[in-house]
Amino acid sequence: KQTLSQNLWNRFFKYSDRILAFLEHPDIPFDNNQAERDIRMTKVKQKVSGTFRSEKGAESFCQIRSFISTMKKQKQSVLQAISQVIETGTVPWNSTTS
């Protein structure tokens, strides 16, 4: 069995291109804090409510939170985006991101 430091070194060597990608691509964050922030609201909801009443309710909550998070990341108005979905049934994707 390898030591913890040997495992860490092996993993770094194997994935160094991914681990250090942020050095070559400034648009890539060097941490995963955004992913943690994205799931935080779900954990808060779960803590306050104890649980979701149904699987469908949990799925709906996650879809809505994902939509809101995406609109914020694309610097779009969340209220306008929700209004567009309700009025037209279409999702206002930012044409500058693909």
PDB file of N, CA and C in Angstrom:
ATOM      1  N   LYS A   1       0.845  -1.192   0.000  1.00  0.00           N
ATOM      2  CA  LYS A   1       0.000   0.000   0.000  1.00  0.00           C
ATOM      3  C   LYS A   1       0.884   1.247   0.000  1.00  0.00           C
ATOM      4  N   GLN A   2       0.509   2.229  -0.839  1.00  0.00           N
ATOM      5  CA  GLN A   2       1.297   3.453  -0.951  1.00  0.00           C
ATOM      6  C   GLN A   2       0.949   4.422   0.169  1.00  0.00           C
ATOM      7  N   THR A   3       1.889   5.308   0.435  1.00  0.00           N
ATOM      8  CA  THR A   3       1.651   6.336   1.446  1.00  0.00           C
ATOM      9  C   THR A   3       0.729   7.410   0.873  1.00  0.00           C
ATOM     10  N   LEU A   4       0.171   8.207   1.760  1.00  0.00           N
ATOM     11  CA  LEU A   4      -0.704   9.299   1.344  1.00  0.00           C
ATOM     12  C   LEU A   4       0.032  10.268   0.420  1.00  0.00           C
ATOM     13  N   SER A   5       1.272  10.583   0.766  1.00  0.00           N
ATOM     14  CA  SER A   5       2.041  11.515  -0.068  1.00  0.00           C
ATOM     15  C   SER A   5       2.337  10.913  -1.446  1.00  0.00           C
ATOM     16  N   GLN A   6       2.588   9.617  -1.507  1.00  0.00           N
ATOM     17  CA  GLN A   6       2.836   8.959  -2.800  1.00  0.00           C
ATOM     18  C   GLN A   6       1.563   8.965  -3.646  1.00  0.00           C
ATOM     19  N   ASN A   7       0.425   8.697  -3.021  1.00  0.00           N
ATOM     20  CA  ASN A   7      -0.853   8.744  -3.743  1.00  0.00           C
ATOM     21  C   ASN A   7      -1.117  10.144  -4.288  1.00  0.00           C
ATOM     22  N   LEU A   8      -0.847  11.155  -3.473  1.00  0.00           N
ATOM     23  CA  LEU A   8      -1.046  12.540  -3.893  1.00  0.00           C
ATOM     24  C   LEU A   8      -0.138  12.875  -5.076  1.00  0.00           C
ATOM     25  N   TRP A   9       1.124  12.481  -4.989  1.00  0.00           N
ATOM     26  CA  TRP A   9       2.063  12.740  -6.079  1.00  0.00           C
ATOM     27  C   TRP A   9       1.604  12.046  -7.366  1.00  0.00           C
ATOM     28  N   ASN A  10       1.211  10.784  -7.258  1.00  0.00           N
ATOM     29  CA  ASN A  10       0.760  10.035  -8.437  1.00  0.00           C
ATOM     30  C   ASN A  10      -0.463  10.694  -9.079  1.00  0.00           C
ATOM     31  N   ARG A  11      -1.389  11.120  -8.249  1.00  0.00           N
ATOM     32  CA  ARG A  11      -2.601  11.763  -8.758  1.00  0.00           C
ATOM     33  C   ARG A  11      -2.268  13.104  -9.417  1.00  0.00           C
ATOM     34  N   PHE A  12      -1.389  13.863  -8.795  1.00  0.00           N
ATOM     35  CA  PHE A  12      -0.972  15.137  -9.387  1.00  0.00           C
ATOM     36  C   PHE A  12      -0.301  14.907 -10.737  1.00  0.00           C
ATOM     37  N   PHE A  13       0.585  13.934 -10.799  1.00  0.00           N
ATOM     38  CA  PHE A  13       1.288  13.640 -12.046  1.00  0.00           C
ATOM     39  C   PHE A  13       0.307  13.191 -13.130  1.00  0.00           C
ATOM     40  N   LYS A  14      -0.649  12.346 -12.754  1.00  0.00           N
ATOM     41  CA  LYS A  14      -1.618  11.811 -13.720  1.00  0.00           C
ATOM     42  C   LYS A  14      -2.548  12.902 -14.256  1.00  0.00           C
ATOM     43  N   TYR A  15      -2.977  13.837 -13.399  1.00  0.00           N
ATOM     44  CA  TYR A  15      -3.968  14.847 -13.780  1.00  0.00           C
ATOM     45  C   TYR A  15      -3.406  16.268 -13.816  1.00  0.00           C
ATOM     46  N   SER A  16      -2.099  16.416 -13.932  1.00  0.00           N
ATOM     47  CA  SER A  16      -1.499  17.755 -13.856  1.00  0.00           C
ATOM     48  C   SER A  16      -2.040  18.700 -14.924  1.00  0.00           C
ATOM     49  N   ASP A  17      -2.357  18.180 -16.116  1.00  0.00           N
ATOM     50  CA  ASP A  17      -2.894  19.056 -17.162  1.00  0.00           C
ATOM     51  C   ASP A  17      -4.252  19.623 -16.769  1.00  0.00           C
ATOM     52  N   ARG A  18      -5.046  18.853 -16.041  1.00  0.00           N
ATOM     53  CA  ARG A  18      -6.353  19.337 -15.575  1.00  0.00           C
ATOM     54  C   ARG A  18      -6.213  20.218 -14.336  1.00  0.00           C
ATOM     55  N   ILE A  19      -5.345  19.814 -13.444  1.00  0.00           N
ATOM     56  CA  ILE A  19      -5.169  20.553 -12.190  1.00  0.00           C
ATOM     57  C   ILE A  19      -4.627  21.954 -12.461  1.00  0.00           C
ATOM     58  N   LEU A  20      -3.740  22.071 -13.425  1.00  0.00           N
ATOM     59  CA  LEU A  20      -3.094  23.351 -13.710  1.00  0.00           C
ATOM     60  C   LEU A  20      -3.686  24.068 -14.926  1.00  0.00           C
ATOM     61  N   ALA A  21      -4.819  23.624 -15.416  1.00  0.00           N
ATOM     62  CA  ALA A  21      -5.435  24.227 -16.609  1.00  0.00           C
ATOM     63  C   ALA A  21      -5.708  25.712 -16.420  1.00  0.00           C
ATOM     64  N   PHE A  22      -6.003  26.128 -15.188  1.00  0.00           N
ATOM     65  CA  PHE A  22      -6.311  27.539 -14.938  1.00  0.00           C
ATOM     66  C   PHE A  22      -5.117  28.453 -15.221  1.00  0.00           C
ATOM     67  N   LEU A  23      -3.904  27.907 -15.227  1.00  0.00           N
ATOM     68  CA  LEU A  23      -2.723  28.725 -15.519  1.00  0.00           C
ATOM     69  C   LEU A  23      -2.666  29.143 -16.990  1.00  0.00           C
ATOM     70  N   GLU A  24      -3.159  28.285 -17.869  1.00  0.00           N
ATOM     71  CA  GLU A  24      -3.139  28.579 -19.301  1.00  0.00           C
ATOM     72  C   GLU A  24      -4.437  29.214 -19.789  1.00  0.00           C
ATOM     73  N   HIS A  25      -5.514  29.011 -19.049  1.00  0.00           N
ATOM     74  CA  HIS A  25      -6.830  29.507 -19.458  1.00  0.00           C
ATOM     75  C   HIS A  25      -7.418  30.345 -18.327  1.00  0.00           C
ATOM     76  N   PRO A  26      -7.302  31.671 -18.414  1.00  0.00           N
ATOM     77  CA  PRO A  26      -7.763  32.545 -17.325  1.00  0.00           C
ATOM     78  C   PRO A  26      -9.260  32.449 -17.032  1.00  0.00           C
ATOM     79  N   ASP A  27     -10.048  31.940 -17.986  1.00  0.00           N
ATOM     80  CA  ASP A  27     -11.487  31.821 -17.751  1.00  0.00           C
ATOM     81  C   ASP A  27     -11.842  30.618 -16.882  1.00  0.00           C
ATOM     82  N   ILE A  28     -10.877  29.747 -16.609  1.00  0.00           N
ATOM     83  CA  ILE A  28     -11.107  28.587 -15.746  1.00  0.00           C
ATOM     84  C   ILE A  28     -10.745  28.976 -14.315  1.00  0.00           C
ATOM     85  N   PRO A  29     -11.692  28.845 -13.371  1.00  0.00           N
ATOM     86  CA  PRO A  29     -11.375  29.190 -11.980  1.00  0.00           C
ATOM     87  C   PRO A  29     -10.387  28.190 -11.380  1.00  0.00           C
ATOM     88  N   PHE A  30      -9.594  28.642 -10.429  1.00  0.00           N
ATOM     89  CA  PHE A  30      -8.606  27.753  -9.816  1.00  0.00           C
ATOM     90  C   PHE A  30      -9.187  26.953  -8.650  1.00  0.00           C
ATOM     91  N   ASP A  31     -10.448  27.175  -8.340  1.00  0.00           N
ATOM     92  CA  ASP A  31     -11.091  26.424  -7.260  1.00  0.00           C
ATOM     93  C   ASP A  31     -12.457  25.927  -7.731  1.00  0.00           C
ATOM     94  N   ASN A  32     -13.132  25.181  -6.873  1.00  0.00           N
ATOM     95  CA  ASN A  32     -14.469  24.699  -7.224  1.00  0.00           C
ATOM     96  C   ASN A  32     -15.526  25.357  -6.338  1.00  0.00           C
ATOM     97  N   ASN A  33     -15.238  26.559  -5.866  1.00  0.00           N
ATOM     98  CA  ASN A  33     -16.177  27.245  -4.983  1.00  0.00           C
ATOM     99  C   ASN A  33     -17.528  27.479  -5.638  1.00  0.00           C
ATOM    100  N   GLN A  34     -17.553  27.720  -6.946  1.00  0.00           N
ATOM    101  CA  GLN A  34     -18.829  27.948  -7.622  1.00  0.00           C
ATOM    102  C   GLN A  34     -19.715  26.710  -7.519  1.00  0.00           C
ATOM    103  N   ALA A  35     -19.140  25.548  -7.678  1.00  0.00           N
ATOM    104  CA  ALA A  35     -19.913  24.312  -7.555  1.00  0.00           C
ATOM    105  C   ALA A  35     -20.474  24.179  -6.145  1.00  0.00           C
ATOM    106  N   GLU A  36     -19.677  24.528  -5.161  1.00  0.00           N
ATOM    107  CA  GLU A  36     -20.141  24.467  -3.777  1.00  0.00           C
ATOM    108  C   GLU A  36     -21.248  25.481  -3.520  1.00  0.00           C
ATOM    109  N   ARG A  37     -21.112  26.677  -4.082  1.00  0.00           N
ATOM    110  CA  ARG A  37     -22.165  27.693  -3.919  1.00  0.00           C
ATOM    111  C   ARG A  37     -23.451  27.257  -4.613  1.00  0.00           C
ATOM    112  N   ASP A  38     -23.318  26.570  -5.747  1.00  0.00           N
ATOM    113  CA  ASP A  38     -24.499  26.129  -6.486  1.00  0.00           C
ATOM    114  C   ASP A  38     -25.341  25.130  -5.688  1.00  0.00           C
ATOM    115  N   ILE A  39     -24.701  24.287  -4.896  1.00  0.00           N
ATOM    116  CA  ILE A  39     -25.479  23.306  -4.128  1.00  0.00           C
ATOM    117  C   ILE A  39     -25.864  23.811  -2.737  1.00  0.00           C
ATOM    118  N   ARG A  40     -25.340  24.946  -2.329  1.00  0.00           N
ATOM    119  CA  ARG A  40     -25.602  25.443  -0.981  1.00  0.00           C
ATOM    120  C   ARG A  40     -27.088  25.666  -0.712  1.00  0.00           C
ATOM    121  N   MET A  41     -27.805  26.299  -1.655  1.00  0.00           N
ATOM    122  CA  MET A  41     -29.224  26.578  -1.452  1.00  0.00           C
ATOM    123  C   MET A  41     -30.016  25.290  -1.231  1.00  0.00           C
ATOM    124  N   THR A  42     -29.650  24.244  -1.935  1.00  0.00           N
ATOM    125  CA  THR A  42     -30.322  22.957  -1.761  1.00  0.00           C
ATOM    126  C   THR A  42     -30.096  22.423  -0.351  1.00  0.00           C
ATOM    127  N   LYS A  43     -28.873  22.538   0.137  1.00  0.00           N
ATOM    128  CA  LYS A  43     -28.576  22.072   1.493  1.00  0.00           C
ATOM    129  C   LYS A  43     -29.299  22.913   2.540  1.00  0.00           C
ATOM    130  N   VAL A  44     -29.389  24.222   2.321  1.00  0.00           N
ATOM    131  CA  VAL A  44     -30.120  25.090   3.255  1.00  0.00           C
ATOM    132  C   VAL A  44     -31.589  24.695   3.273  1.00  0.00           C
ATOM    133  N   LYS A  45     -32.171  24.491   2.092  1.00  0.00           N
ATOM    134  CA  LYS A  45     -33.580  24.082   1.993  1.00  0.00           C
ATOM    135  C   LYS A  45     -33.796  22.762   2.723  1.00  0.00           C
ATOM    136  N   GLN A  46     -32.898  21.830   2.522  1.00  0.00           N
ATOM    137  CA  GLN A  46     -33.004  20.527   3.168  1.00  0.00           C
ATOM    138  C   GLN A  46     -32.888  20.662   4.685  1.00  0.00           C
ATOM    139  N   LYS A  47     -31.990  21.516   5.152  1.00  0.00           N
ATOM    140  CA  LYS A  47     -31.797  21.705   6.591  1.00  0.00           C
ATOM    141  C   LYS A  47     -33.025  22.342   7.231  1.00  0.00           C
ATOM    142  N   VAL A  48     -33.596  23.355   6.567  1.00  0.00           N
ATOM    143  CA  VAL A  48     -34.761  24.055   7.109  1.00  0.00           C
ATOM    144  C   VAL A  48     -35.992  23.151   7.092  1.00  0.00           C
ATOM    145  N   SER A  49     -36.219  22.483   5.970  1.00  0.00           N
ATOM    146  CA  SER A  49     -37.429  21.671   5.814  1.00  0.00           C
ATOM    147  C   SER A  49     -37.269  20.252   6.334  1.00  0.00           C
ATOM    148  N   GLY A  50     -36.055  19.809   6.478  1.00  0.00           N
ATOM    149  CA  GLY A  50     -35.815  18.429   6.877  1.00  0.00           C
ATOM    150  C   GLY A  50     -35.679  17.529   5.668  1.00  0.00           C
ATOM    151  N   THR A  51     -36.539  17.735   4.691  1.00  0.00           N
ATOM    152  CA  THR A  51     -36.506  16.946   3.461  1.00  0.00           C
ATOM    153  C   THR A  51     -37.473  17.554   2.464  1.00  0.00           C
ATOM    154  N   PHE A  52     -37.495  17.031   1.268  1.00  0.00           N
ATOM    155  CA  PHE A  52     -38.504  17.422   0.293  1.00  0.00           C
ATOM    156  C   PHE A  52     -39.700  16.491   0.468  1.00  0.00           C
ATOM    157  N   ARG A  53     -40.882  16.965   0.153  1.00  0.00           N
ATOM    158  CA  ARG A  53     -42.082  16.144   0.333  1.00  0.00           C
ATOM    159  C   ARG A  53     -42.172  15.018  -0.679  1.00  0.00           C
ATOM    160  N   SER A  54     -41.609  15.242  -1.849  1.00  0.00           N
ATOM    161  CA  SER A  54     -41.655  14.207  -2.883  1.00  0.00           C
ATOM    162  C   SER A  54     -40.412  14.304  -3.754  1.00  0.00           C
ATOM    163  N   GLU A  55     -40.174  13.247  -4.495  1.00  0.00           N
ATOM    164  CA  GLU A  55     -39.051  13.248  -5.426  1.00  0.00           C
ATOM    165  C   GLU A  55     -39.281  14.289  -6.524  1.00  0.00           C
ATOM    166  N   LYS A  56     -40.527  14.418  -6.965  1.00  0.00           N
ATOM    167  CA  LYS A  56     -40.877  15.411  -7.987  1.00  0.00           C
ATOM    168  C   LYS A  56     -40.585  16.824  -7.470  1.00  0.00           C
ATOM    169  N   GLY A  57     -40.915  17.097  -6.207  1.00  0.00           N
ATOM    170  CA  GLY A  57     -40.637  18.400  -5.613  1.00  0.00           C
ATOM    171  C   GLY A  57     -39.149  18.690  -5.567  1.00  0.00           C
ATOM    172  N   ALA A  58     -38.358  17.677  -5.231  1.00  0.00           N
ATOM    173  CA  ALA A  58     -36.902  17.838  -5.185  1.00  0.00           C
ATOM    174  C   ALA A  58     -36.352  18.119  -6.582  1.00  0.00           C
ATOM    175  N   GLU A  59     -36.859  17.386  -7.578  1.00  0.00           N
ATOM    176  CA  GLU A  59     -36.416  17.596  -8.958  1.00  0.00           C
ATOM    177  C   GLU A  59     -36.774  18.997  -9.438  1.00  0.00           C
ATOM    178  N   SER A  60     -37.993  19.434  -9.145  1.00  0.00           N
ATOM    179  CA  SER A  60     -38.431  20.774  -9.561  1.00  0.00           C
ATOM    180  C   SER A  60     -37.568  21.849  -8.912  1.00  0.00           C
ATOM    181  N   PHE A  61     -37.305  21.701  -7.623  1.00  0.00           N
ATOM    182  CA  PHE A  61     -36.471  22.659  -6.906  1.00  0.00           C
ATOM    183  C   PHE A  61     -35.090  22.748  -7.551  1.00  0.00           C
ATOM    184  N   CYS A  62     -34.497  21.594  -7.846  1.00  0.00           N
ATOM    185  CA  CYS A  62     -33.156  21.571  -8.440  1.00  0.00           C
ATOM    186  C   CYS A  62     -33.154  22.191  -9.836  1.00  0.00           C
ATOM    187  N   GLN A  63     -34.185  21.934 -10.627  1.00  0.00           N
ATOM    188  CA  GLN A  63     -34.262  22.516 -11.971  1.00  0.00           C
ATOM    189  C   GLN A  63     -34.381  24.036 -11.901  1.00  0.00           C
ATOM    190  N   ILE A  64     -35.210  24.521 -11.004  1.00  0.00           N
ATOM    191  CA  ILE A  64     -35.389  25.968 -10.859  1.00  0.00           C
ATOM    192  C   ILE A  64     -34.097  26.615 -10.369  1.00  0.00           C
ATOM    193  N   ARG A  65     -33.457  26.025  -9.364  1.00  0.00           N
ATOM    194  CA  ARG A  65     -32.195  26.573  -8.852  1.00  0.00           C
ATOM    195  C   ARG A  65     -31.120  26.566  -9.942  1.00  0.00           C
ATOM    196  N   SER A  66     -31.074  25.513 -10.736  1.00  0.00           N
ATOM    197  CA  SER A  66     -30.105  25.425 -11.822  1.00  0.00           C
ATOM    198  C   SER A  66     -30.345  26.521 -12.852  1.00  0.00           C
ATOM    199  N   PHE A  67     -31.605  26.751 -13.193  1.00  0.00           N
ATOM    200  CA  PHE A  67     -31.968  27.801 -14.153  1.00  0.00           C
ATOM    201  C   PHE A  67     -31.543  29.170 -13.627  1.00  0.00           C
ATOM    202  N   ILE A  68     -31.866  29.452 -12.373  1.00  0.00           N
ATOM    203  CA  ILE A  68     -31.508  30.741 -11.769  1.00  0.00           C
ATOM    204  C   ILE A  68     -29.989  30.916 -11.748  1.00  0.00           C
ATOM    205  N   SER A  69     -29.280  29.878 -11.353  1.00  0.00           N
ATOM    206  CA  SER A  69     -27.818  29.937 -11.302  1.00  0.00           C
ATOM    207  C   SER A  69     -27.230  30.188 -12.692  1.00  0.00           C
ATOM    208  N   THR A  70     -27.773  29.520 -13.702  1.00  0.00           N
ATOM    209  CA  THR A  70     -27.293  29.698 -15.074  1.00  0.00           C
ATOM    210  C   THR A  70     -27.525  31.121 -15.556  1.00  0.00           C
ATOM    211  N   MET A  71     -28.696  31.665 -15.293  1.00  0.00           N
ATOM    212  CA  MET A  71     -28.994  33.033 -15.722  1.00  0.00           C
ATOM    213  C   MET A  71     -28.048  34.032 -15.045  1.00  0.00           C
ATOM    214  N   LYS A  72     -27.757  33.814 -13.764  1.00  0.00           N
ATOM    215  CA  LYS A  72     -26.827  34.701 -13.053  1.00  0.00           C
ATOM    216  C   LYS A  72     -25.420  34.596 -13.636  1.00  0.00           C
ATOM    217  N   LYS A  73     -24.984  33.374 -13.952  1.00  0.00           N
ATOM    218  CA  LYS A  73     -23.652  33.185 -14.528  1.00  0.00           C
ATOM    219  C   LYS A  73     -23.545  33.854 -15.894  1.00  0.00           C
ATOM    220  N   GLN A  74     -24.659  33.892 -16.621  1.00  0.00           N
ATOM    221  CA  GLN A  74     -24.674  34.535 -17.937  1.00  0.00           C
ATOM    222  C   GLN A  74     -24.993  36.021 -17.841  1.00  0.00           C
ATOM    223  N   LYS A  75     -25.053  36.518 -16.598  1.00  0.00           N
ATOM    224  CA  LYS A  75     -25.314  37.940 -16.333  1.00  0.00           C
ATOM    225  C   LYS A  75     -26.615  38.421 -16.975  1.00  0.00           C
ATOM    226  N   GLN A  76     -27.640  37.572 -16.895  1.00  0.00           N
ATOM    227  CA  GLN A  76     -28.962  37.928 -17.397  1.00  0.00           C
ATOM    228  C   GLN A  76     -29.888  38.183 -16.218  1.00  0.00           C
ATOM    229  N   SER A  77     -30.897  38.984 -16.443  1.00  0.00           N
ATOM    230  CA  SER A  77     -31.884  39.259 -15.407  1.00  0.00           C
ATOM    231  C   SER A  77     -32.701  37.997 -15.148  1.00  0.00           C
ATOM    232  N   VAL A  78     -32.674  37.538 -13.908  1.00  0.00           N
ATOM    233  CA  VAL A  78     -33.413  36.326 -13.558  1.00  0.00           C
ATOM    234  C   VAL A  78     -34.913  36.539 -13.742  1.00  0.00           C
ATOM    235  N   LEU A  79     -35.423  37.690 -13.301  1.00  0.00           N
ATOM    236  CA  LEU A  79     -36.860  37.954 -13.433  1.00  0.00           C
ATOM    237  C   LEU A  79     -37.288  38.021 -14.891  1.00  0.00           C
ATOM    238  N   GLN A  80     -36.491  38.670 -15.727  1.00  0.00           N
ATOM    239  CA  GLN A  80     -36.826  38.726 -17.153  1.00  0.00           C
ATOM    240  C   GLN A  80     -36.764  37.341 -17.784  1.00  0.00           C
ATOM    241  N   ALA A  81     -35.794  36.544 -17.383  1.00  0.00           N
ATOM    242  CA  ALA A  81     -35.660  35.195 -17.928  1.00  0.00           C
ATOM    243  C   ALA A  81     -36.858  34.333 -17.544  1.00  0.00           C
ATOM    244  N   ILE A  82     -37.265  34.412 -16.278  1.00  0.00           N
ATOM    245  CA  ILE A  82     -38.434  33.647 -15.830  1.00  0.00           C
ATOM    246  C   ILE A  82     -39.680  34.126 -16.561  1.00  0.00           C
ATOM    247  N   SER A  83     -39.819  35.443 -16.713  1.00  0.00           N
ATOM    248  CA  SER A  83     -40.964  36.000 -17.447  1.00  0.00           C
ATOM    249  C   SER A  83     -40.997  35.480 -18.877  1.00  0.00           C
ATOM    250  N   GLN A  84     -39.831  35.424 -19.523  1.00  0.00           N
ATOM    251  CA  GLN A  84     -39.777  34.938 -20.904  1.00  0.00           C
ATOM    252  C   GLN A  84     -40.202  33.482 -20.991  1.00  0.00           C
ATOM    253  N   VAL A  85     -39.757  32.673 -20.045  1.00  0.00           N
ATOM    254  CA  VAL A  85     -40.140  31.260 -20.047  1.00  0.00           C
ATOM    255  C   VAL A  85     -41.650  31.120 -19.883  1.00  0.00           C
ATOM    256  N   ILE A  86     -42.226  31.890 -18.963  1.00  0.00           N
ATOM    257  CA  ILE A  86     -43.667  31.815 -18.716  1.00  0.00           C
ATOM    258  C   ILE A  86     -44.452  32.306 -19.932  1.00  0.00           C
ATOM    259  N   GLU A  87     -44.021  33.424 -20.523  1.00  0.00           N
ATOM    260  CA  GLU A  87     -44.761  34.030 -21.631  1.00  0.00           C
ATOM    261  C   GLU A  87     -44.599  33.287 -22.952  1.00  0.00           C
ATOM    262  N   THR A  88     -43.381  32.847 -23.253  1.00  0.00           N
ATOM    263  CA  THR A  88     -43.126  32.269 -24.578  1.00  0.00           C
ATOM    264  C   THR A  88     -42.805  30.782 -24.558  1.00  0.00           C
ATOM    265  N   GLY A  89     -42.465  30.265 -23.404  1.00  0.00           N
ATOM    266  CA  GLY A  89     -42.086  28.858 -23.327  1.00  0.00           C
ATOM    267  C   GLY A  89     -40.679  28.593 -23.844  1.00  0.00           C
ATOM    268  N   THR A  90     -39.923  29.659 -24.117  1.00  0.00           N
ATOM    269  CA  THR A  90     -38.550  29.490 -24.595  1.00  0.00           C
ATOM    270  C   THR A  90     -37.565  29.941 -23.527  1.00  0.00           C
ATOM    271  N   VAL A  91     -36.396  29.351 -23.569  1.00  0.00           N
ATOM    272  CA  VAL A  91     -35.349  29.664 -22.597  1.00  0.00           C
ATOM    273  C   VAL A  91     -34.418  30.708 -23.201  1.00  0.00           C
ATOM    274  N   PRO A  92     -34.141  31.791 -22.479  1.00  0.00           N
ATOM    275  CA  PRO A  92     -33.309  32.878 -23.015  1.00  0.00           C
ATOM    276  C   PRO A  92     -31.818  32.600 -22.900  1.00  0.00           C
ATOM    277  N   TRP A  93     -31.294  31.696 -23.710  1.00  0.00           N
ATOM    278  CA  TRP A  93     -29.867  31.400 -23.637  1.00  0.00           C
ATOM    279  C   TRP A  93     -29.066  32.553 -24.189  1.00  0.00           C
ATOM    280  N   ASN A  94     -27.971  32.801 -23.554  1.00  0.00           N
ATOM    281  CA  ASN A  94     -27.066  33.865 -23.982  1.00  0.00           C
ATOM    282  C   ASN A  94     -26.365  33.403 -25.256  1.00  0.00           C
ATOM    283  N   SER A  95     -26.554  34.124 -26.335  1.00  0.00           N
ATOM    284  CA  SER A  95     -25.995  33.711 -27.626  1.00  0.00           C
ATOM    285  C   SER A  95     -24.476  33.837 -27.676  1.00  0.00           C
ATOM    286  N   THR A  96     -23.874  34.550 -26.730  1.00  0.00           N
ATOM    287  CA  THR A  96     -22.420  34.709 -26.745  1.00  0.00           C
ATOM    288  C   THR A  96     -21.709  33.534 -26.099  1.00  0.00           C
ATOM    289  N   THR A  97     -22.438  32.676 -25.386  1.00  0.00           N
ATOM    290  CA  THR A  97     -21.816  31.500 -24.774  1.00  0.00           C
ATOM    291  C   THR A  97     -22.344  30.262 -25.463  1.00  0.00           C
ATOM    292  N   SER A  98     -21.448  29.332 -25.757  1.00  0.00           N
ATOM    293  CA  SER A  98     -21.902  28.103 -26.375  1.00  0.00           C
ATOM    294  C   SER A  98     -21.200  26.922 -25.783  1.00  0.00           C
TER     295      SER A  98
END
